[in-house]
């Protein structure tokens, strides 16, 4: 989870540098993020099926292969086209790793699931905070983004070698996968509530990681050292939120906690943007309330959809990622057509849409998830 967080997080730090090195604009950056999302989307769906068919252990192994090779390609990419291809492949690996983790945790731990799921995702937040700050400082001191990708690739290689010796049970391997009634799944309105609740949230979170640096540097002329400090702060409080959030969720309830947390994140984000440069730190602090949303919503999927939960989780995360992909593409377009400040309002707008669809999930599942 730390590895995939690093891969995700450095993109936001690299955006201004990549624009200079490859002579591209914000729309091209939006295309890059779309390429990343496409790899993630396609193989999240496939990954959900693979978890059912071959088990999480083999899916993890595939994920490492699809991360290590593209990381080395990124480091030597001669042009933006090769860079896009490598980003696509890298996100195949990230999607397989993510779906294996998100479908494994709920069935391995029968009690305190919210605590353990959020602790797992705490590692993502910690990795993001570290990566954003470390990459920003290294760039500021003259280390190239290519060298940083080589460092990440070597880290991934070491993890892969160690992972080969780890034993992982295969609770989701089932023979009756073909018996899942896919037509009835896609007719269920809850599926779409989950897709949009998660999709708009994922854009708000990843959009912050991808565009917060760009927003600060273009709107307020921050340098890499200054901007990386605030994005690192966002992911530091984000990680802290995941560390403590699981215990709160067990007391308050799953969807209740997500609603309260999402609304608080929205309020702080809006307040921070209204204050302009003085509000940058408030946007960073809002990360605390982002923390529990993704892992908690994903955790409830297996409670609402009792059969074929790995497949359904794959479907939901796939289409949620597609929603996020389109929003990131639109964000890149807006950055070129209007000011970075105006474009950045797309993130709190997305958050409030997520709140609306989460409320619809709450209304539809309150008997199942009221206290669980």
Protein backbone atom coordinates (compact mmCIF):
# COMPACT_ATOMS: atom_id res chain seq x y z
CA UNK A 1 0.00 0.00 0.00
CA UNK A 2 2.93 2.33 0.66
CA UNK A 3 4.36 1.44 -2.75
CA UNK A 4 1.15 2.19 -4.65
CA UNK A 5 0.76 5.42 -2.67
CA UNK A 6 4.23 6.52 -3.75
CA UNK A 7 3.46 5.74 -7.39
CA UNK A 8 0.23 7.75 -7.19
CA UNK A 9 1.62 10.67 -5.22
CA UNK A 10 4.72 11.58 -7.18
CA UNK A 11 2.64 12.30 -10.29
CA UNK A 12 1.21 15.42 -8.67
CA UNK A 13 4.68 16.65 -7.72
CA UNK A 14 6.00 15.92 -11.22
CA UNK A 15 3.22 17.68 -13.18
CA UNK A 16 4.87 21.13 -13.47
CA UNK A 17 8.24 19.51 -14.31
CA UNK A 18 6.74 17.15 -16.89
CA UNK A 19 5.02 20.08 -18.61
CA UNK A 20 8.42 21.73 -19.06
CA UNK A 21 10.40 18.61 -20.00
CA UNK A 22 7.91 17.30 -22.57
CA UNK A 23 6.60 20.75 -23.66
CA UNK A 24 2.98 19.85 -22.91
CA UNK A 25 -0.03 21.73 -21.50
CA UNK A 26 -2.58 20.97 -18.77
CA UNK A 27 -4.86 19.17 -21.23
CA UNK A 28 -2.00 16.77 -21.99
CA UNK A 29 -1.58 16.26 -18.25
CA UNK A 30 -5.28 15.43 -18.13
CA UNK A 31 -4.67 12.86 -20.88
CA UNK A 32 -1.82 11.40 -18.81
CA UNK A 33 -4.12 11.03 -15.80
CA UNK A 34 -6.73 9.50 -18.10
CA UNK A 35 -4.16 6.98 -19.34
CA UNK A 36 -3.40 6.10 -15.74
CA UNK A 37 -7.09 5.73 -14.95
CA UNK A 38 -7.74 3.54 -18.00
CA UNK A 39 -5.13 1.01 -16.90
CA UNK A 40 -6.57 1.09 -13.40
CA UNK A 41 -10.19 0.82 -14.56
CA UNK A 42 -9.80 -2.09 -16.97
CA UNK A 43 -7.76 -4.24 -14.63
CA UNK A 44 -9.72 -3.47 -11.47
CA UNK A 45 -12.63 -5.22 -13.18
CA UNK A 46 -10.41 -8.04 -14.40
CA UNK A 47 -8.70 -8.18 -11.00
CA UNK A 48 -12.01 -8.79 -9.24
CA UNK A 49 -12.59 -11.79 -11.51
CA UNK A 50 -9.01 -13.03 -11.06
CA UNK A 51 -9.35 -12.92 -7.26
CA UNK A 52 -12.33 -15.22 -7.58
CA UNK A 53 -10.57 -17.51 -10.07
CA UNK A 54 -6.91 -17.78 -9.04
CA UNK A 55 -6.74 -16.22 -5.59
CA UNK A 56 -5.15 -13.07 -4.19
CA UNK A 57 -1.60 -14.46 -3.96
CA UNK A 58 -1.21 -14.81 -7.74
CA UNK A 59 -2.94 -11.48 -8.29
CA UNK A 60 -0.37 -9.83 -5.99
CA UNK A 61 2.49 -11.40 -7.98
CA UNK A 62 1.03 -10.10 -11.24
CA UNK A 63 0.67 -6.66 -9.67
CA UNK A 64 4.37 -6.47 -8.82
CA UNK A 65 5.42 -7.50 -12.33
CA UNK A 66 3.18 -4.79 -13.81
CA UNK A 67 4.66 -2.19 -11.48
CA UNK A 68 8.41 -2.90 -11.59
CA UNK A 69 8.84 -2.99 -15.38
CA UNK A 70 6.88 0.24 -16.12
CA UNK A 71 8.72 2.11 -13.35
CA UNK A 72 12.03 1.45 -15.10
CA UNK A 73 10.46 2.44 -18.45
CA UNK A 74 9.25 5.73 -16.94
CA UNK A 75 12.79 6.51 -15.84
CA UNK A 76 14.15 6.24 -19.40
CA UNK A 77 11.11 7.34 -21.44
CA UNK A 78 12.41 9.36 -24.44
CA UNK A 79 9.10 11.11 -25.14
CA UNK A 80 5.61 11.71 -23.76
CA UNK A 81 4.02 8.84 -25.74
CA UNK A 82 6.32 6.26 -24.13
CA UNK A 83 5.67 7.92 -20.77
CA UNK A 84 1.89 7.54 -21.29
CA UNK A 85 2.27 3.85 -22.16
CA UNK A 86 4.37 3.22 -19.05
CA UNK A 87 1.87 5.06 -16.85
CA UNK A 88 -0.91 2.88 -18.29
CA UNK A 89 1.03 -0.31 -17.51
CA UNK A 90 2.00 0.89 -14.04
CA UNK A 91 -1.63 1.44 -13.15
CA UNK A 92 -2.49 -2.09 -14.22
CA UNK A 93 -0.17 -3.22 -11.45
CA UNK A 94 -1.60 -0.74 -8.97
CA UNK A 95 -5.16 -1.81 -9.71
CA UNK A 96 -4.36 -5.51 -9.20
CA UNK A 97 -2.62 -4.74 -5.92
CA UNK A 98 -5.53 -2.61 -4.72
CA UNK A 99 -8.31 -5.06 -5.59
CA UNK A 100 -6.40 -7.97 -4.01
CA UNK A 101 -6.01 -6.01 -0.77
CA UNK A 102 -9.55 -4.63 -0.66
CA UNK A 103 -11.13 -8.06 -1.19
CA UNK A 104 -8.76 -9.90 1.19
CA UNK A 105 -9.03 -7.78 4.34
CA UNK A 106 -12.83 -8.05 4.91
CA UNK A 107 -12.77 -11.87 4.94
CA UNK A 108 -9.52 -12.39 6.85
CA UNK A 109 -10.70 -10.37 9.84
CA UNK A 110 -14.18 -11.09 11.14
CA UNK A 111 -14.14 -8.48 13.92
CA UNK A 112 -13.00 -4.86 14.01
CA UNK A 113 -13.09 -4.82 10.22
CA UNK A 114 -13.37 -1.03 10.02
CA UNK A 115 -10.29 -0.64 12.25
CA UNK A 116 -8.22 -3.11 10.24
CA UNK A 117 -9.33 -1.87 6.83
CA UNK A 118 -8.53 1.71 7.79
CA UNK A 119 -5.18 0.66 9.28
CA UNK A 120 -4.35 -1.03 5.98
CA UNK A 121 -5.23 2.14 4.11
CA UNK A 122 -3.34 4.18 6.72
CA UNK A 123 -0.23 2.81 5.03
CA UNK A 124 -1.43 4.41 1.79
CA UNK A 125 -1.84 7.77 3.51
CA UNK A 126 1.56 7.50 5.21
CA UNK A 127 3.19 6.57 1.89
CA UNK A 128 1.53 9.52 0.17
CA UNK A 129 2.67 12.00 2.80
CA UNK A 130 6.24 10.70 2.67
CA UNK A 131 6.34 10.57 -1.14
CA UNK A 132 4.93 14.06 -1.68
CA UNK A 133 7.39 15.68 0.70
CA UNK A 134 10.43 13.58 -0.24
CA UNK A 135 9.89 14.00 -3.99
CA UNK A 136 9.33 17.74 -3.60
CA UNK A 137 12.52 18.19 -1.59
CA UNK A 138 14.54 16.03 -3.99
CA UNK A 139 13.32 18.00 -7.02
CA UNK A 140 14.06 21.25 -5.21
CA UNK A 141 17.62 20.02 -4.59
CA UNK A 142 18.18 19.04 -8.21
CA UNK A 143 17.37 15.30 -8.25
CA UNK A 144 15.55 14.57 -11.53
CA UNK A 145 12.17 12.89 -11.72
CA UNK A 146 13.81 10.09 -13.73
CA UNK A 147 16.17 9.25 -10.88
CA UNK A 148 13.27 9.28 -8.45
CA UNK A 149 11.43 6.70 -10.59
CA UNK A 150 14.55 4.48 -10.52
CA UNK A 151 14.56 4.66 -6.71
CA UNK A 152 10.88 3.67 -6.61
CA UNK A 153 11.52 0.80 -9.07
CA UNK A 154 14.30 -0.59 -6.87
CA UNK A 155 12.05 -0.35 -3.80
CA UNK A 156 9.33 -2.27 -5.68
CA UNK A 157 11.84 -4.95 -6.71
CA UNK A 158 12.95 -5.50 -3.11
CA UNK A 159 9.30 -5.78 -1.98
CA UNK A 160 8.57 -8.29 -4.73
CA UNK A 161 11.47 -10.55 -3.69
CA UNK A 162 10.33 -10.46 -0.06
CA UNK A 163 6.67 -11.01 -1.02
CA UNK A 164 7.40 -14.30 -2.81
CA UNK A 165 7.97 -15.91 0.60
CA UNK A 166 4.74 -14.62 2.15
CA UNK A 167 1.89 -17.09 2.60
CA UNK A 168 -1.56 -15.71 1.79
CA UNK A 169 -4.81 -17.69 2.24
CA UNK A 170 -7.23 -17.79 -0.67
CA UNK A 171 -10.67 -17.21 0.85
CA UNK A 172 -12.19 -15.81 -2.33
CA UNK A 173 -11.35 -18.66 -4.69
CA UNK A 174 -14.71 -20.17 -5.56
CA UNK A 175 -15.96 -22.68 -8.09
CA UNK A 176 -19.40 -21.17 -8.46
CA UNK A 177 -18.28 -17.82 -9.88
CA UNK A 178 -20.16 -18.52 -13.09
CA UNK A 179 -23.40 -18.80 -11.09
CA UNK A 180 -23.33 -15.09 -10.17
CA UNK A 181 -26.39 -13.44 -11.72
CA UNK A 182 -24.67 -10.51 -13.40
CA UNK A 183 -27.88 -9.18 -14.94
CA UNK A 184 -29.55 -8.78 -11.57
CA UNK A 185 -26.44 -7.08 -10.19
CA UNK A 186 -26.53 -4.42 -12.91
CA UNK A 187 -30.26 -3.89 -12.35
CA UNK A 188 -29.68 -3.08 -8.68
CA UNK A 189 -29.83 0.68 -8.07
CA UNK A 190 -27.47 0.28 -5.09
CA UNK A 191 -24.67 -0.64 -7.49
CA UNK A 192 -24.95 2.79 -9.12
CA UNK A 193 -25.23 4.62 -5.80
CA UNK A 194 -21.94 2.98 -4.81
CA UNK A 195 -20.31 3.76 -8.16
CA UNK A 196 -21.07 7.48 -7.98
CA UNK A 197 -20.50 7.88 -4.24
CA UNK A 198 -17.09 6.28 -4.62
CA UNK A 199 -16.32 7.81 -8.03
CA UNK A 200 -16.85 11.43 -7.02
CA UNK A 201 -14.96 10.82 -3.77
CA UNK A 202 -12.02 9.17 -5.55
CA UNK A 203 -11.73 12.18 -7.84
CA UNK A 204 -11.73 14.54 -4.86
CA UNK A 205 -8.92 12.59 -3.19
CA UNK A 206 -6.81 11.85 -6.25
CA UNK A 207 -7.60 15.30 -7.67
CA UNK A 208 -6.04 16.83 -4.58
CA UNK A 209 -2.97 14.64 -5.02
CA UNK A 210 -2.73 15.42 -8.74
CA UNK A 211 -3.70 19.11 -8.87
CA UNK A 212 -3.03 20.70 -5.44
CA UNK A 213 0.61 21.36 -6.34
CA UNK A 214 -0.40 22.85 -9.68
CA UNK A 215 -3.03 25.01 -7.93
CA UNK A 216 -0.53 26.43 -5.42
CA UNK A 217 2.27 27.01 -7.91
CA UNK A 218 0.11 28.62 -10.60
CA UNK A 219 -2.21 30.59 -8.30
CA UNK A 220 0.25 31.71 -5.63
CA UNK A 221 3.68 31.09 -7.24
CA UNK A 222 4.87 28.64 -4.58
CA UNK A 223 8.14 26.82 -5.22
CA UNK A 224 8.56 23.03 -4.98
CA UNK A 225 9.70 23.16 -1.36
CA UNK A 226 6.69 25.22 -0.27
CA UNK A 227 4.03 23.37 -2.29
CA UNK A 228 5.30 19.91 -1.31
CA UNK A 229 5.06 20.91 2.37
CA UNK A 230 1.31 21.58 2.10
CA UNK A 231 0.51 18.48 0.04
CA UNK A 232 2.56 16.40 2.50
CA UNK A 233 0.56 17.98 5.33
CA UNK A 234 -2.68 16.95 3.60
CA UNK A 235 -1.57 13.32 3.40
CA UNK A 236 -0.06 13.35 6.91
CA UNK A 237 -3.36 14.28 8.55
CA UNK A 238 -5.01 11.94 6.03
CA UNK A 239 -2.87 9.09 7.39
CA UNK A 240 -3.61 10.08 11.00
CA UNK A 241 -7.32 10.06 10.18
CA UNK A 242 -7.06 6.49 8.94
CA UNK A 243 -5.06 5.48 11.99
CA UNK A 244 -7.75 6.60 14.43
CA UNK A 245 -10.81 6.58 12.20
CA UNK A 246 -11.52 2.85 12.36
CA UNK A 247 -12.13 2.98 16.09
CA UNK A 248 -14.64 5.82 15.66
CA UNK A 249 -16.43 3.97 12.85
CA UNK A 250 -16.98 0.90 15.06
CA UNK A 251 -18.83 3.16 17.52
CA UNK A 252 -20.71 5.50 15.18
CA UNK A 253 -21.53 3.16 12.28
CA UNK A 254 -20.12 2.80 8.78
CA UNK A 255 -22.23 5.01 6.55
CA UNK A 256 -22.96 7.51 9.33
CA UNK A 257 -19.21 8.05 9.74
CA UNK A 258 -18.68 8.46 6.00
CA UNK A 259 -21.44 11.08 5.76
CA UNK A 260 -20.17 13.13 8.70
CA UNK A 261 -16.57 12.92 7.54
CA UNK A 262 -17.36 13.82 3.91
CA UNK A 263 -19.43 16.85 4.93
CA UNK A 264 -16.63 18.10 7.19
CA UNK A 265 -14.11 17.67 4.36
CA UNK A 266 -16.38 19.65 2.03
CA UNK A 267 -16.85 22.51 4.52
CA UNK A 268 -13.11 22.84 5.19
CA UNK A 269 -12.24 22.64 1.49
CA UNK A 270 -14.70 25.40 0.57
CA UNK A 271 -13.54 27.56 3.47
CA UNK A 272 -9.92 27.06 2.40
CA UNK A 273 -10.60 28.04 -1.22
CA UNK A 274 -12.63 31.09 -0.24
CA UNK A 275 -9.72 32.37 1.87
CA UNK A 276 -7.33 32.01 -1.09
CA UNK A 277 -3.63 31.79 -0.23
CA UNK A 278 -4.35 32.07 3.50
CA UNK A 279 -6.66 29.06 3.21
CA UNK A 280 -4.09 26.66 1.70
CA UNK A 281 -3.37 25.23 5.16
CA UNK A 282 -7.10 24.64 5.74
CA UNK A 283 -7.29 22.62 2.50
CA UNK A 284 -4.36 20.59 3.85
CA UNK A 285 -6.14 19.99 7.18
CA UNK A 286 -9.25 18.74 5.36
CA UNK A 287 -7.26 15.59 4.56
CA UNK A 288 -8.11 14.30 8.05
CA UNK A 289 -11.77 14.03 7.07
CA UNK A 290 -11.03 12.43 3.69
CA UNK A 291 -9.31 9.57 5.46
CA UNK A 292 -12.00 7.02 6.25
CA UNK A 293 -14.25 7.44 3.21
CA UNK A 294 -12.74 5.08 0.62
CA UNK A 295 -11.86 2.05 2.81
CA UNK A 296 -15.12 2.27 4.75
CA UNK A 297 -17.34 2.44 1.67
CA UNK A 298 -15.43 -0.47 0.10
CA UNK A 299 -15.81 -2.45 3.32
CA UNK A 300 -19.60 -2.11 3.24
CA UNK A 301 -19.81 -3.61 -0.26
CA UNK A 302 -19.24 -7.15 1.04
CA UNK A 303 -21.92 -6.56 3.70
CA UNK A 304 -24.55 -5.31 1.26
CA UNK A 305 -23.75 -7.74 -1.58
CA UNK A 306 -23.37 -11.12 0.10
CA UNK A 307 -22.60 -13.21 -3.00
CA UNK A 308 -19.78 -12.55 -5.46
CA UNK A 309 -18.44 -9.68 -3.37
CA UNK A 310 -15.00 -9.75 -5.04
CA UNK A 311 -16.58 -9.45 -8.49
CA UNK A 312 -18.98 -6.70 -7.39
CA UNK A 313 -16.19 -4.80 -5.62
CA UNK A 314 -14.26 -4.96 -8.90
CA UNK A 315 -17.26 -3.64 -10.84
CA UNK A 316 -17.88 -0.75 -8.43
CA UNK A 317 -14.24 0.32 -8.20
CA UNK A 318 -13.91 0.01 -11.99
CA UNK A 319 -16.79 2.36 -12.78
CA UNK A 320 -15.91 4.64 -9.86
CA UNK A 321 -12.43 4.96 -11.36
CA UNK A 322 -14.00 5.75 -14.74
CA UNK A 323 -15.95 8.58 -13.11
CA UNK A 324 -12.73 9.88 -11.53
CA UNK A 325 -10.90 9.57 -14.86
CA UNK A 326 -13.43 11.73 -16.69
CA UNK A 327 -13.34 14.31 -13.90
CA UNK A 328 -9.52 14.48 -14.04
CA UNK A 329 -9.67 14.97 -17.80
CA UNK A 330 -12.20 17.76 -17.32
CA UNK A 331 -9.97 19.30 -14.63
CA UNK A 332 -7.04 19.45 -17.07
CA UNK A 333 -9.26 21.10 -19.68
CA UNK A 334 -10.55 23.67 -17.17
CA UNK A 335 -7.01 24.54 -16.11
CA UNK A 336 -6.25 25.56 -19.68
CA UNK A 337 -9.54 27.39 -20.29
CA UNK A 338 -10.04 29.18 -16.95
CA UNK A 339 -7.78 30.01 -14.01
CA UNK A 340 -6.27 27.26 -11.85
CA UNK A 341 -8.20 28.72 -8.91
CA UNK A 342 -11.56 28.44 -10.68
CA UNK A 343 -10.79 24.93 -11.96
CA UNK A 344 -9.85 23.74 -8.48
CA UNK A 345 -13.42 24.30 -7.26
CA UNK A 346 -14.29 21.10 -9.13
CA UNK A 347 -12.95 19.15 -6.14
CA UNK A 348 -15.40 20.39 -3.45
CA UNK A 349 -18.21 20.19 -6.03
CA UNK A 350 -17.30 16.54 -6.53
CA UNK A 351 -17.25 15.99 -2.76
CA UNK A 352 -20.82 17.21 -2.32
CA UNK A 353 -22.00 14.88 -5.11
CA UNK A 354 -20.31 12.02 -3.24
CA UNK A 355 -22.19 13.03 -0.07
CA UNK A 356 -25.50 12.93 -1.94
CA UNK A 357 -24.97 9.39 -3.28
CA UNK A 358 -23.64 8.19 0.08
CA UNK A 359 -26.86 9.41 1.67
CA UNK A 360 -28.84 7.37 -0.87
CA UNK A 361 -26.80 4.30 0.16
CA UNK A 362 -27.58 5.08 3.80
CA UNK A 363 -31.32 5.33 3.14
CA UNK A 364 -31.33 2.09 1.12
CA UNK A 365 -29.20 -0.01 3.52
CA UNK A 366 -29.84 1.42 6.98
CA UNK A 367 -31.30 -1.86 8.23
CA UNK A 368 -28.12 -3.71 7.21
CA UNK A 369 -25.51 -1.10 8.12
CA UNK A 370 -27.08 0.99 10.88
CA UNK A 371 -24.60 -0.17 13.52
CA UNK A 372 -22.21 -2.27 11.45
